[in-house]
Amino acid sequence: MKLLSQLRTSTFQLALLYMVVFATSVFLLLAFIYWRTAGFMTAQTDQTIEAEIAGLAEQYRGRGVNGLITIIRERVARDPNAKSIYLLTTDDFLKLAGNIEAWPEGSRSESGWINFTLNESVGWTGPERLARARIFEVQGGLRLLVGRDVDELTNLKRVIETAINWGMGITLALALLGGFLMSRSTTRRIEVINNTSRRIMNGHLSLRIPTRGTDDDFDQLAENLNQMLDRIVYLMEGIRHVSDSIAHDLRTPLTRLRNQLENTLITVNDEEAREHVGQAVAEADQLLATFNALLRIARLETRGNAADMKVVSLDELVSDACELYEALAEDKEQQFEQSLAKGVMIEGDRDLLFQMISNLIDNAIKYTPEKGRIGIVVRRDGNEAIFEVQDSGIGIPDDEKDQVFQRFYRVGKSRSLPGNGLGLSLVSAVAEIHKGQIVLSDTYPGEEAPGLTVTVRMPAFTAARKRIKATQAESGEAAGSESKAPAETSGH
């Protein structure tokens, strides 16, 4: 899988493109060399044949037919290896002189050149060999063939062709290996950046991308990203400082205002005034709840994985939350069904998990009409612990399911109901800390009131992980492995 992923990288594909261009250039160069070399050797053979023909023609003009026959026989006698091929015949193909017996069968060009094989068909007694010759007619009706043995030339061409093929194969292999090594080196550096980026996104904001000190493009990119991260952390610290300032400067006056209104509500006797003051108290409570929720979400997102992680029984935690909200469901005459598998353990922050569970159950009760159904499920699926809340309420349209985790976002159907649009944002922040996934689906697909099923999948705490934890605790390695932060216990 790792090899396949590397082959799909843009670096390897670029190296592959370079390999194709390089291999094409090498092929064209070798093809040109072969064409020039083979053409030169063929031309040299033709020039040798032409020279012999010119010499025979001169002998024929000076000494006649008998002189031509004599000179051919002399040349044949001086060439026992038959490098030169001769055949002189009458017009009815009767042999007069030469070292072959019959005219060869072969393709003949308009200029009289012919390529053929020296074998039994031409009266050749030796091993088969390739030859090239020129045929023309001599005055007096005689026919003359003058040629050369080109078997060595043909073998040399084959050697060159084999060398070119091997050269191309080696070139492609080396180019492929070079592309693989180049892409591997580049991919490693990119993977370092990706891994560091993923850890930073998971909350380790103090990490920075390492550099090699080579001051190359990757080092410059890493330095720019590190500077950007420094700037982001600086801005986040500024936001956190502003949030803390708001917490100290506004939450306290709001709380005092709410308490004064509540005291006024106790002392006022006029019913109309009491009603107005009661509404003001409710509005103040809503403001404080919204303000506290915003601060909790901001702190969760900033804290990342620094929650107080301990082994928690998910089914017991959900059972406690159900016990808290069961009475509220009974007031609305809702069916409150529970299916809690025993012994489902996870590693997490108990307070944050309880807050997430409470928010989801509270939402289900809030958006489910009277006499509706609410189902609470805890189960184990392989290495995952699953917490699920099902309701028969108004549901969420498919095109809005991805948007409801945004702060203050509310589905159109629910805008008339109380709430601030921060509940699912808080749930998402808690799930992210616990490496969980949230899936929204319809409880009753296709119906007018499809309801909503919220499924939270989190890694289960298995026996294997328990043994690893115990080993780390015994060896002292667990100390400092995770940064601890005080859990926030603000209510829903």
Protein backbone atom coordinates (compact mmCIF):
# COMPACT_ATOMS: atom_id res chain seq x y z
CA MET A 1 0.00 0.00 0.00
CA LYS A 2 2.83 2.36 0.86
CA LEU A 3 4.46 1.63 -2.53
CA LEU A 4 1.18 2.23 -4.36
CA SER A 5 0.64 5.52 -2.53
CA GLN A 6 4.16 6.61 -3.50
CA LEU A 7 3.50 5.70 -7.15
CA ARG A 8 0.46 8.00 -7.07
CA THR A 9 2.42 11.00 -5.84
CA SER A 10 2.83 13.99 -8.15
CA THR A 11 6.61 13.80 -7.63
CA PHE A 12 6.76 10.25 -9.01
CA GLN A 13 4.46 11.15 -11.90
CA LEU A 14 6.70 14.11 -12.73
CA ALA A 15 9.75 11.83 -12.58
CA LEU A 16 7.90 9.36 -14.83
CA LEU A 17 7.21 12.12 -17.34
CA TYR A 18 10.89 13.09 -17.24
CA MET A 19 11.78 9.43 -17.77
CA VAL A 20 9.58 9.26 -20.88
CA VAL A 21 11.11 12.45 -22.31
CA PHE A 22 14.64 11.27 -21.47
CA ALA A 23 14.05 7.78 -22.89
CA THR A 24 12.58 9.24 -26.09
CA SER A 25 15.62 11.48 -26.48
CA VAL A 26 18.00 8.55 -25.95
CA PHE A 27 16.03 6.41 -28.41
CA LEU A 28 16.14 9.10 -31.09
CA LEU A 29 19.87 9.57 -30.52
CA LEU A 30 20.60 5.83 -30.74
CA ALA A 31 18.33 5.48 -33.78
CA PHE A 32 20.23 8.27 -35.53
CA ILE A 33 23.59 6.66 -34.67
CA TYR A 34 22.34 3.29 -35.95
CA TRP A 35 20.97 4.82 -39.13
CA ARG A 36 24.25 6.64 -39.82
CA THR A 37 26.43 3.61 -38.96
CA ALA A 38 24.39 1.03 -40.88
CA GLY A 39 24.00 3.41 -43.81
CA PHE A 40 27.73 4.08 -43.89
CA MET A 41 28.61 0.36 -43.89
CA THR A 42 26.04 -0.40 -46.60
CA ALA A 43 27.32 2.47 -48.73
CA GLN A 44 30.91 1.24 -48.26
CA THR A 45 29.89 -2.26 -49.46
CA ASP A 46 28.14 -0.78 -52.50
CA GLN A 47 31.21 1.31 -53.31
CA THR A 48 33.41 -1.82 -53.14
CA ILE A 49 31.07 -3.63 -55.58
CA GLU A 50 31.02 -0.60 -57.88
CA ALA A 51 34.84 -0.53 -57.85
CA GLU A 52 35.01 -4.22 -58.82
CA ILE A 53 32.49 -3.68 -61.59
CA ALA A 54 34.52 -0.74 -62.91
CA GLY A 55 37.65 -2.94 -62.91
CA LEU A 56 35.88 -5.80 -64.74
CA ALA A 57 34.42 -3.38 -67.25
CA GLU A 58 37.90 -2.05 -68.00
CA GLN A 59 39.22 -5.62 -68.45
CA TYR A 60 36.31 -6.43 -70.78
CA ARG A 61 36.98 -3.37 -72.92
CA GLY A 62 40.70 -4.20 -73.14
CA ARG A 63 40.70 -7.99 -73.39
CA GLY A 64 37.19 -8.94 -74.50
CA VAL A 65 35.05 -11.76 -73.18
CA ASN A 66 37.94 -14.20 -72.78
CA GLY A 67 39.86 -11.64 -70.75
CA LEU A 68 36.77 -11.01 -68.57
CA ILE A 69 36.39 -14.75 -67.94
CA THR A 70 40.09 -15.04 -67.09
CA ILE A 71 40.09 -12.15 -64.63
CA ILE A 72 36.93 -13.47 -62.89
CA ARG A 73 38.53 -16.90 -62.48
CA GLU A 74 41.68 -15.30 -61.12
CA ARG A 75 39.74 -13.28 -58.58
CA VAL A 76 37.77 -16.34 -57.50
CA ALA A 77 41.01 -18.27 -57.06
CA ARG A 78 42.53 -15.48 -54.97
CA ASP A 79 39.43 -15.36 -52.71
CA PRO A 80 38.96 -18.87 -51.21
CA ASN A 81 36.55 -17.47 -48.56
CA ALA A 82 34.31 -16.13 -51.33
CA LYS A 83 33.98 -12.65 -49.90
CA SER A 84 33.35 -11.47 -53.47
CA ILE A 85 30.58 -13.11 -55.51
CA TYR A 86 30.85 -13.45 -59.30
CA LEU A 87 28.71 -15.08 -62.00
CA LEU A 88 29.07 -14.59 -65.76
CA THR A 89 26.55 -16.38 -68.02
CA THR A 90 25.29 -16.34 -71.57
CA ASP A 91 21.91 -14.89 -72.38
CA ASP A 92 20.35 -18.34 -71.79
CA PHE A 93 22.01 -18.48 -68.32
CA LEU A 94 24.81 -20.89 -69.21
CA LYS A 95 27.65 -20.35 -66.70
CA LEU A 96 30.94 -19.11 -68.15
CA ALA A 97 32.76 -18.17 -64.91
CA GLY A 98 32.13 -17.41 -61.22
CA ASN A 99 31.86 -18.99 -57.77
CA ILE A 100 28.08 -19.64 -57.82
CA GLU A 101 26.20 -21.85 -60.30
CA ALA A 102 22.84 -20.17 -60.84
CA TRP A 103 21.11 -16.84 -60.71
CA PRO A 104 19.68 -16.11 -57.28
CA GLU A 105 16.02 -15.48 -56.57
CA GLY A 106 15.48 -12.17 -54.86
CA SER A 107 13.93 -8.73 -55.06
CA ARG A 108 15.67 -6.72 -57.68
CA SER A 109 15.62 -2.92 -57.73
CA GLU A 110 15.43 -0.78 -60.84
CA SER A 111 19.16 -0.01 -60.54
CA GLY A 112 20.03 -3.72 -60.68
CA TRP A 113 20.84 -4.24 -56.98
CA ILE A 114 19.71 -7.50 -55.35
CA ASN A 115 19.88 -8.99 -51.84
CA PHE A 116 19.86 -12.79 -51.64
CA THR A 117 21.01 -15.82 -49.67
CA LEU A 118 23.94 -17.99 -50.66
CA ASN A 119 22.50 -21.52 -50.45
CA GLU A 120 22.00 -24.67 -52.51
CA SER A 121 19.65 -22.91 -54.92
CA VAL A 122 22.61 -20.96 -56.39
CA GLY A 123 25.03 -23.87 -56.15
CA TRP A 124 26.60 -22.74 -52.84
CA THR A 125 28.19 -25.58 -50.92
CA GLY A 126 29.12 -23.76 -47.74
CA PRO A 127 26.92 -22.53 -44.86
CA GLU A 128 24.16 -20.13 -45.78
CA ARG A 129 25.24 -16.54 -45.89
CA LEU A 130 23.72 -13.23 -46.91
CA ALA A 131 24.96 -11.41 -49.99
CA ARG A 132 24.35 -8.22 -51.92
CA ALA A 133 25.06 -7.91 -55.64
CA ARG A 134 24.42 -5.92 -58.75
CA ILE A 135 23.30 -7.46 -62.04
CA PHE A 136 23.75 -5.96 -65.48
CA GLU A 137 24.10 -7.07 -69.08
CA VAL A 138 27.38 -7.05 -70.97
CA GLN A 139 27.61 -6.32 -74.70
CA GLY A 140 27.13 -9.50 -76.71
CA GLY A 141 24.19 -10.77 -74.63
CA LEU A 142 26.24 -11.80 -71.60
CA ARG A 143 24.90 -11.41 -68.04
CA LEU A 144 27.18 -10.48 -65.17
CA LEU A 145 26.57 -10.57 -61.39
CA VAL A 146 29.07 -8.95 -59.03
CA GLY A 147 28.47 -8.96 -55.30
CA ARG A 148 29.84 -9.17 -51.79
CA ASP A 149 29.25 -11.36 -48.77
CA VAL A 150 27.41 -9.10 -46.30
CA ASP A 151 26.82 -11.69 -43.57
CA GLU A 152 29.31 -10.04 -41.22
CA LEU A 153 27.75 -6.65 -41.94
CA THR A 154 24.29 -8.05 -41.13
CA ASN A 155 25.58 -9.62 -37.92
CA LEU A 156 27.18 -6.33 -36.98
CA LYS A 157 23.84 -4.58 -37.51
CA ARG A 158 22.15 -7.14 -35.27
CA VAL A 159 24.78 -6.57 -32.58
CA ILE A 160 24.15 -2.83 -32.80
CA GLU A 161 20.37 -3.36 -32.63
CA THR A 162 20.77 -5.64 -29.59
CA ALA A 163 23.01 -3.06 -27.93
CA ILE A 164 20.43 -0.34 -28.63
CA ASN A 165 17.63 -2.48 -27.17
CA TRP A 166 19.65 -3.26 -24.05
CA GLY A 167 20.69 0.37 -23.80
CA MET A 168 17.05 1.47 -23.94
CA GLY A 169 16.05 -1.11 -21.35
CA ILE A 170 18.85 -0.09 -18.98
CA THR A 171 18.03 3.58 -19.58
CA LEU A 172 14.36 3.03 -18.73
CA ALA A 173 15.23 0.97 -15.64
CA LEU A 174 17.71 3.55 -14.36
CA ALA A 175 15.29 6.39 -15.11
CA LEU A 176 12.51 4.52 -13.28
CA LEU A 177 14.79 3.80 -10.32
CA GLY A 178 15.98 7.41 -10.26
CA GLY A 179 12.38 8.66 -10.41
CA PHE A 180 11.42 6.31 -7.57
CA LEU A 181 14.34 7.44 -5.40
CA MET A 182 13.67 11.12 -6.15
CA SER A 183 9.96 10.78 -5.39
CA ARG A 184 10.73 8.76 -2.26
CA SER A 185 13.01 11.46 -0.91
CA THR A 186 10.52 14.19 -1.74
CA THR A 187 7.58 12.18 -0.42
CA ARG A 188 9.37 11.64 2.90
CA ARG A 189 9.80 15.36 3.40
CA ILE A 190 6.20 16.05 2.40
CA GLU A 191 5.03 13.30 4.77
CA VAL A 192 6.95 14.95 7.62
CA ILE A 193 5.06 18.18 6.89
CA ASN A 194 1.73 16.29 6.67
CA ASN A 195 2.29 14.35 9.90
CA THR A 196 3.27 17.49 11.79
CA SER A 197 0.29 19.36 10.35
CA ARG A 198 -2.09 16.57 11.42
CA ARG A 199 -0.71 16.60 14.96
CA ILE A 200 -1.06 20.38 15.08
CA MET A 201 -4.67 20.09 13.88
CA ASN A 202 -5.28 17.59 16.70
CA GLY A 203 -4.34 20.23 19.23
CA HIS A 204 -0.55 20.06 19.59
CA LEU A 205 -0.11 23.73 18.75
CA SER A 206 3.42 23.88 20.13
CA LEU A 207 4.80 21.57 17.42
CA ARG A 208 6.71 22.99 14.46
CA ILE A 209 7.77 21.50 11.13
CA PRO A 210 11.44 20.39 11.30
CA THR A 211 13.99 21.72 8.79
CA ARG A 212 17.24 20.18 7.52
CA GLY A 213 19.28 23.37 7.36
CA THR A 214 19.80 23.01 3.60
CA ASP A 215 17.85 26.21 2.86
CA ASP A 216 16.16 24.49 -0.09
CA ASP A 217 12.55 24.92 -1.18
CA PHE A 218 11.24 22.55 1.49
CA ASP A 219 13.15 24.33 4.24
CA GLN A 220 11.77 27.67 3.06
CA LEU A 221 8.25 26.23 2.97
CA ALA A 222 8.68 24.78 6.48
CA GLU A 223 9.98 28.09 7.81
CA ASN A 224 7.06 29.99 6.26
CA LEU A 225 4.56 27.50 7.74
CA ASN A 226 6.23 27.73 11.14
CA GLN A 227 6.06 31.51 11.03
CA MET A 228 2.39 31.25 10.07
CA LEU A 229 1.79 28.87 13.00
CA ASP A 230 3.56 31.27 15.36
CA ARG A 231 1.29 34.04 14.12
CA ILE A 232 -1.83 31.89 14.52
CA VAL A 233 -0.85 30.90 18.06
CA TYR A 234 -0.19 34.56 18.86
CA LEU A 235 -3.63 35.53 17.55
CA MET A 236 -5.28 32.65 19.40
CA GLU A 237 -3.60 33.74 22.60
CA GLY A 238 -4.93 37.21 21.94
CA ILE A 239 -8.44 35.84 21.42
CA ARG A 240 -8.14 33.75 24.56
CA HIS A 241 -7.01 36.81 26.47
CA VAL A 242 -10.01 38.73 25.13
CA SER A 243 -12.27 35.84 26.11
CA ASP A 244 -10.87 35.81 29.63
CA SER A 245 -11.34 39.56 29.81
CA ILE A 246 -14.93 39.18 28.67
CA ALA A 247 -15.42 36.43 31.23
CA HIS A 248 -14.21 38.68 34.04
CA ASP A 249 -15.67 41.96 32.78
CA LEU A 250 -19.09 40.86 31.51
CA ARG A 251 -20.08 37.57 33.09
CA THR A 252 -19.89 38.93 36.61
CA PRO A 253 -22.07 42.02 35.90
CA LEU A 254 -24.55 39.80 34.03
CA THR A 255 -24.71 37.45 37.00
CA ARG A 256 -25.25 40.38 39.40
CA LEU A 257 -27.97 41.77 37.13
CA ARG A 258 -29.69 38.41 37.03
CA ASN A 259 -29.53 38.07 40.84
CA GLN A 260 -30.91 41.59 41.32
CA LEU A 261 -33.77 40.81 38.96
CA GLU A 262 -34.47 37.61 40.88
CA ASN A 263 -34.47 39.54 44.18
CA THR A 264 -36.81 42.09 42.63
CA LEU A 265 -39.07 39.24 41.52
CA ILE A 266 -39.37 38.14 45.16
CA THR A 267 -40.23 41.60 46.50
CA VAL A 268 -42.62 42.78 43.71
CA ASN A 269 -46.31 42.20 44.45
CA ASP A 270 -47.83 43.44 41.20
CA GLU A 271 -48.58 40.44 38.94
CA GLU A 272 -47.83 42.28 35.70
CA ALA A 273 -44.53 43.58 37.07
CA ARG A 274 -43.65 40.09 38.31
CA GLU A 275 -44.29 38.69 34.86
CA HIS A 276 -42.02 41.28 33.22
CA VAL A 277 -39.26 40.73 35.77
CA GLY A 278 -39.58 36.96 35.33
CA GLN A 279 -39.13 37.38 31.58
CA ALA A 280 -36.06 39.53 32.21
CA VAL A 281 -34.61 36.82 34.51
CA ALA A 282 -35.22 34.22 31.80
CA GLU A 283 -33.55 36.42 29.20
CA ALA A 284 -30.58 36.94 31.54
CA ASP A 285 -30.33 33.16 32.05
CA GLN A 286 -30.36 32.70 28.28
CA LEU A 287 -27.61 35.30 27.87
CA LEU A 288 -25.47 33.64 30.54
CA ALA A 289 -26.05 30.19 29.02
CA THR A 290 -25.03 31.42 25.59
CA PHE A 291 -22.03 33.22 26.98
CA ASN A 292 -20.88 30.18 28.99
CA ALA A 293 -21.37 27.87 26.01
CA LEU A 294 -19.26 30.11 23.79
CA LEU A 295 -16.46 30.15 26.34
CA ARG A 296 -16.62 26.38 26.80
CA ILE A 297 -16.42 25.73 23.04
CA ALA A 298 -13.52 28.15 22.63
CA ARG A 299 -11.61 26.56 25.49
CA LEU A 300 -12.27 23.04 24.20
CA GLU A 301 -11.07 23.89 20.71
CA THR A 302 -7.98 25.58 22.11
CA ARG A 303 -7.20 22.85 24.62
CA GLY A 304 -7.29 20.06 22.00
CA ASN A 305 -6.18 16.72 23.44
CA ALA A 306 -5.23 18.15 26.82
CA ALA A 307 -8.41 16.87 28.50
CA ASP A 308 -8.25 14.84 31.70
CA MET A 309 -8.35 11.39 30.10
CA LYS A 310 -9.31 8.41 32.24
CA VAL A 311 -10.99 5.07 31.59
CA VAL A 312 -14.76 5.65 31.76
CA SER A 313 -17.70 3.27 31.59
CA LEU A 314 -19.81 4.75 28.81
CA ASP A 315 -22.95 2.77 29.68
CA GLU A 316 -22.84 3.94 33.32
CA LEU A 317 -22.27 7.54 32.24
CA VAL A 318 -25.24 7.42 29.85
CA SER A 319 -27.37 5.72 32.51
CA ASP A 320 -26.67 8.61 34.92
CA ALA A 321 -27.61 11.15 32.24
CA CYS A 322 -30.82 9.25 31.42
CA GLU A 323 -31.79 9.21 35.07
CA LEU A 324 -31.36 12.98 35.13
CA TYR A 325 -33.55 13.60 32.06
CA GLU A 326 -36.11 10.81 32.43
CA ALA A 327 -38.42 12.96 34.50
CA LEU A 328 -38.34 15.71 31.87
CA ALA A 329 -39.36 13.17 29.22
CA GLU A 330 -42.19 11.91 31.43
CA ASP A 331 -43.55 15.46 31.73
CA LYS A 332 -43.98 15.47 27.94
CA GLU A 333 -45.36 11.90 28.01
CA GLN A 334 -42.52 10.73 25.77
CA GLN A 335 -41.43 7.12 25.46
CA PHE A 336 -37.93 7.06 26.91
CA GLU A 337 -36.36 3.78 25.83
CA GLN A 338 -32.86 2.69 26.82
CA SER A 339 -30.68 -0.05 25.37
CA LEU A 340 -27.35 0.13 27.16
CA ALA A 341 -24.82 -2.64 26.61
CA LYS A 342 -22.77 -3.35 29.71
CA GLY A 343 -19.01 -2.99 29.96
CA VAL A 344 -18.48 -0.50 27.10
CA MET A 345 -15.34 1.32 28.19
CA ILE A 346 -13.71 4.36 26.62
CA GLU A 347 -10.85 6.63 27.54
CA GLY A 348 -12.00 10.19 28.03
CA ASP A 349 -12.81 13.16 30.21
CA ARG A 350 -15.83 12.17 32.30
CA ASP A 351 -17.16 15.70 32.75
CA LEU A 352 -16.87 16.58 29.04
CA LEU A 353 -18.45 13.29 27.98
CA PHE A 354 -21.34 13.79 30.41
CA GLN A 355 -21.87 17.26 29.00
CA MET A 356 -21.93 15.89 25.43
CA ILE A 357 -24.39 13.12 26.37
CA SER A 358 -26.59 15.55 28.28
CA ASN A 359 -26.70 18.00 25.37
CA LEU A 360 -27.80 15.30 22.93
CA ILE A 361 -30.48 13.90 25.24
CA ASP A 362 -31.72 17.41 26.05
CA ASN A 363 -31.97 18.25 22.34
CA ALA A 364 -33.90 15.03 21.66
CA ILE A 365 -36.42 15.82 24.40
CA LYS A 366 -36.68 19.45 23.29
CA TYR A 367 -37.34 18.73 19.60
CA THR A 368 -39.55 15.65 20.06
CA PRO A 369 -43.26 16.42 20.40
CA GLU A 370 -45.40 15.18 23.28
CA LYS A 371 -46.02 11.41 23.29
CA GLY A 372 -43.09 10.98 20.90
CA ARG A 373 -40.34 8.41 21.17
CA ILE A 374 -36.73 8.82 22.33
CA GLY A 375 -34.25 5.97 22.13
CA ILE A 376 -30.88 5.90 23.91
CA VAL A 377 -28.42 3.22 22.75
CA VAL A 378 -24.94 2.25 23.92
CA ARG A 379 -23.22 -0.64 22.14
CA ARG A 380 -19.86 -1.97 21.07
CA ASP A 381 -18.96 -2.40 17.38
CA GLY A 382 -15.51 -3.96 16.98
CA ASN A 383 -12.99 -1.49 18.36
CA GLU A 384 -15.55 1.31 18.55
CA ALA A 385 -17.86 2.40 21.33
CA ILE A 386 -21.13 3.79 20.00
CA PHE A 387 -23.52 6.19 21.72
CA GLU A 388 -26.74 6.86 19.86
CA VAL A 389 -29.73 9.13 20.49
CA GLN A 390 -32.88 8.60 18.41
CA ASP A 391 -35.88 10.88 18.40
CA SER A 392 -39.13 11.26 16.48
CA GLY A 393 -38.97 15.03 16.15
CA ILE A 394 -38.87 17.36 13.17
CA GLY A 395 -35.46 16.12 11.99
CA ILE A 396 -32.82 17.95 9.99
CA PRO A 397 -32.87 18.21 6.16
CA ASP A 398 -30.01 16.38 4.43
CA ASP A 399 -28.58 19.58 2.96
CA GLU A 400 -28.28 21.10 6.46
CA LYS A 401 -26.80 18.13 8.34
CA ASP A 402 -23.23 19.35 7.77
CA GLN A 403 -24.04 22.92 8.82
CA VAL A 404 -25.69 22.33 12.19
CA PHE A 405 -22.27 21.99 13.87
CA GLN A 406 -21.54 25.65 13.11
CA ARG A 407 -21.99 28.09 15.97
CA PHE A 408 -25.43 29.73 16.17
CA TYR A 409 -26.71 27.77 13.15
CA ARG A 410 -30.31 26.67 13.59
CA VAL A 411 -32.53 24.65 11.29
CA GLY A 412 -35.44 26.69 9.94
CA LYS A 413 -38.07 24.48 11.57
CA SER A 414 -36.52 24.91 15.02
CA ARG A 415 -36.06 28.67 15.10
CA SER A 416 -39.29 29.14 17.06
CA LEU A 417 -38.06 26.80 19.81
CA PRO A 418 -35.79 27.95 22.65
CA GLY A 419 -32.06 27.52 22.12
CA ASN A 420 -28.96 29.34 20.94
CA GLY A 421 -27.60 27.01 18.23
CA LEU A 422 -24.50 26.11 20.25
CA GLY A 423 -25.42 22.64 21.55
CA LEU A 424 -24.15 20.59 18.59
CA SER A 425 -21.07 22.84 18.31
CA LEU A 426 -20.17 21.87 21.86
CA VAL A 427 -20.91 18.19 21.12
CA SER A 428 -18.64 18.34 18.06
CA ALA A 429 -15.79 19.90 20.07
CA VAL A 430 -16.03 17.20 22.76
CA ALA A 431 -16.19 14.39 20.18
CA GLU A 432 -13.13 15.75 18.40
CA ILE A 433 -11.13 15.73 21.63
CA HIS A 434 -12.05 12.05 22.07
CA LYS A 435 -11.18 11.18 18.45
CA GLY A 436 -14.86 10.53 17.83
CA GLN A 437 -17.04 10.82 14.74
CA ILE A 438 -20.59 12.17 14.66
CA VAL A 439 -23.09 10.89 12.08
CA LEU A 440 -26.54 12.43 11.64
CA SER A 441 -29.28 10.37 10.00
CA ASP A 442 -33.07 10.15 9.85
CA THR A 443 -34.75 7.88 12.39
CA TYR A 444 -37.76 7.30 10.12
CA PRO A 445 -36.61 8.04 6.54
CA GLY A 446 -39.29 9.21 4.13
CA GLU A 447 -41.86 10.20 6.76
CA GLU A 448 -43.19 13.71 7.32
CA ALA A 449 -41.47 13.84 10.73
CA PRO A 450 -38.33 11.80 10.03
CA GLY A 451 -36.79 12.43 13.44
CA LEU A 452 -33.06 12.52 14.00
CA THR A 453 -30.55 9.88 15.01
CA VAL A 454 -27.23 11.20 16.31
CA THR A 455 -24.53 8.51 16.34
CA VAL A 456 -21.24 9.19 18.12
CA ARG A 457 -18.45 6.69 17.40
CA MET A 458 -15.41 6.73 19.70
CA PRO A 459 -12.44 4.36 20.10
CA ALA A 460 -13.25 1.69 22.68
CA PHE A 461 -10.82 1.00 25.48
CA THR A 462 -9.80 -2.59 24.70
CA ALA A 463 -7.96 -5.14 26.83
CA ALA A 464 -4.88 -4.71 24.66
CA ARG A 465 -4.81 -0.96 25.31
CA LYS A 466 -5.37 -1.66 28.99
CA ARG A 467 -2.28 -3.89 29.08
CA ILE A 468 -0.24 -1.23 27.28
CA LYS A 469 -1.37 1.37 29.78
CA ALA A 470 -0.47 -0.89 32.67
CA THR A 471 2.98 -1.54 31.21
CA GLN A 472 3.59 2.17 30.71
CA ALA A 473 2.48 2.89 34.26
CA GLU A 474 4.83 0.27 35.66
CA SER A 475 7.80 1.56 33.65
CA GLY A 476 7.06 5.17 34.45
CA GLU A 477 6.72 6.09 30.78
CA ALA A 478 3.16 7.22 31.14
CA ALA A 479 4.18 10.24 33.22
CA GLY A 480 4.21 13.27 31.01
CA SER A 481 2.93 11.39 27.94
CA GLU A 482 -0.16 13.54 27.92
CA SER A 483 -0.48 17.09 29.15
CA LYS A 484 -3.18 17.37 31.76
CA ALA A 485 -5.70 20.19 32.04
CA PRO A 486 -8.40 20.71 34.65
CA ALA A 487 -11.77 19.50 33.41
CA GLU A 488 -14.43 22.11 32.96
CA THR A 489 -17.62 21.28 34.77
CA SER A 490 -19.92 24.07 33.58
CA GLY A 491 -23.47 22.77 33.26
CA HIS A 492 -25.59 22.59 30.13
